[in-house]
Amino acid sequence: MYFCLEQRLVTVRGQVIELTVKEFEIFSLLILNPKRVFTYEMLMDLVWNEDYTYYSRKAVNNHVSNLRKKLKVAHGLPDYVKSVYGIGYKFEI
């Protein structure tokens, strides 16, 4: 995997992964802070920069689900984005 914040570029096995703005921002937080758990509330506050009572955990879950699908370009690759049940997500290989 290759990640470049300045170019907003993610590649997996040489394949460019097209991410939405929110997906990239979530992934950036996670990959730049490996093994640190980000709660749903932290992600909503840091990525959406708005009152997170308007958004739900489902919005975060949907973006993370799409992100995971995009990163899984080949069988046998690890799940880079791990769930921490009932709390949030973290990046881990």
Protein backbone atom coordinates (compact mmCIF):
# COMPACT_ATOMS: atom_id res chain seq x y z
CA MET A 1 0.00 0.00 0.00
CA TYR A 2 1.12 3.53 -0.80
CA PHE A 3 -0.38 6.61 0.84
CA CYS A 4 0.45 10.24 0.02
CA LEU A 5 -1.38 12.96 1.89
CA GLU A 6 -0.04 15.80 -0.27
CA GLN A 7 -1.21 14.17 -3.52
CA ARG A 8 -4.34 12.70 -1.87
CA LEU A 9 -3.25 9.40 -3.39
CA VAL A 10 -3.78 5.83 -2.21
CA THR A 11 -2.59 2.82 -4.17
CA VAL A 12 -2.83 -0.87 -3.34
CA ARG A 13 -0.61 -3.24 -5.31
CA GLY A 14 0.00 -0.47 -7.83
CA GLN A 15 -3.70 0.16 -8.39
CA VAL A 16 -4.91 3.71 -7.72
CA ILE A 17 -7.82 3.69 -5.28
CA GLU A 18 -10.40 6.36 -6.07
CA LEU A 19 -11.75 7.68 -2.78
CA THR A 20 -14.40 10.29 -2.08
CA VAL A 21 -13.39 13.31 -0.01
CA LYS A 22 -14.90 11.84 3.17
CA GLU A 23 -13.39 8.39 2.58
CA PHE A 24 -9.95 9.93 2.08
CA GLU A 25 -10.27 12.10 5.18
CA ILE A 26 -11.33 9.12 7.31
CA PHE A 27 -8.51 6.99 5.91
CA SER A 28 -5.99 9.79 6.45
CA LEU A 29 -6.88 10.06 10.13
CA LEU A 30 -6.62 6.32 10.60
CA ILE A 31 -3.42 5.65 8.64
CA LEU A 32 -1.57 8.64 10.13
CA ASN A 33 -2.43 7.39 13.63
CA PRO A 34 -1.94 3.61 13.42
CA LYS A 35 -3.59 1.55 16.14
CA ARG A 36 -5.24 4.63 17.64
CA VAL A 37 -8.97 4.13 18.03
CA PHE A 38 -11.16 6.90 16.68
CA THR A 39 -14.67 6.94 18.09
CA TYR A 40 -17.65 7.59 15.86
CA GLU A 41 -18.00 11.00 17.49
CA MET A 42 -14.33 11.87 16.87
CA LEU A 43 -14.63 10.88 13.21
CA MET A 44 -17.80 12.91 12.76
CA ASP A 45 -16.23 15.93 14.45
CA LEU A 46 -12.91 15.74 12.58
CA VAL A 47 -14.19 14.73 9.13
CA TRP A 48 -17.54 16.48 8.90
CA ASN A 49 -16.51 19.56 10.95
CA GLU A 50 -20.15 20.08 11.85
CA ASP A 51 -22.50 19.29 14.65
CA TYR A 52 -22.45 15.51 14.62
CA THR A 53 -25.90 15.19 16.14
CA TYR A 54 -27.13 15.82 12.59
CA TYR A 55 -25.23 12.78 11.34
CA SER A 56 -25.50 9.26 12.62
CA ARG A 57 -23.10 6.42 13.21
CA LYS A 58 -24.65 4.93 10.11
CA ALA A 59 -23.07 7.69 7.98
CA VAL A 60 -19.63 6.82 9.37
CA ASN A 61 -20.33 3.09 8.95
CA ASN A 62 -21.38 3.60 5.32
CA HIS A 63 -18.24 5.56 4.44
CA VAL A 64 -15.98 3.05 6.19
CA SER A 65 -17.76 0.14 4.50
CA ASN A 66 -17.20 1.75 1.07
CA LEU A 67 -13.58 2.50 1.98
CA ARG A 68 -12.96 -1.13 2.96
CA LYS A 69 -14.46 -2.42 -0.28
CA LYS A 70 -12.27 -0.11 -2.34
CA LEU A 71 -9.08 -1.10 -0.46
CA LYS A 72 -9.76 -4.83 -0.93
CA VAL A 73 -8.50 -5.01 -4.52
CA ALA A 74 -7.23 -8.58 -4.23
CA HIS A 75 -8.00 -11.71 -2.28
CA GLY A 76 -5.74 -12.20 0.71
CA LEU A 77 -5.12 -8.53 1.46
CA PRO A 78 -5.56 -7.58 5.11
CA ASP A 79 -8.48 -5.51 6.33
CA TYR A 80 -6.61 -2.28 6.99
CA VAL A 81 -9.51 -0.59 8.74
CA LYS A 82 -10.47 -2.53 11.85
CA SER A 83 -13.68 -2.15 13.81
CA VAL A 84 -13.53 -1.65 17.54
CA TYR A 85 -16.95 -2.96 18.48
CA GLY A 86 -19.30 -0.26 19.75
CA ILE A 87 -16.56 2.38 19.79
CA GLY A 88 -15.20 3.17 16.32
CA TYR A 89 -12.32 2.28 14.02
CA LYS A 90 -8.53 2.03 13.80
CA PHE A 91 -5.87 1.35 11.16
CA GLU A 92 -3.90 -1.84 11.57
CA ILE A 93 -2.11 -4.30 9.33
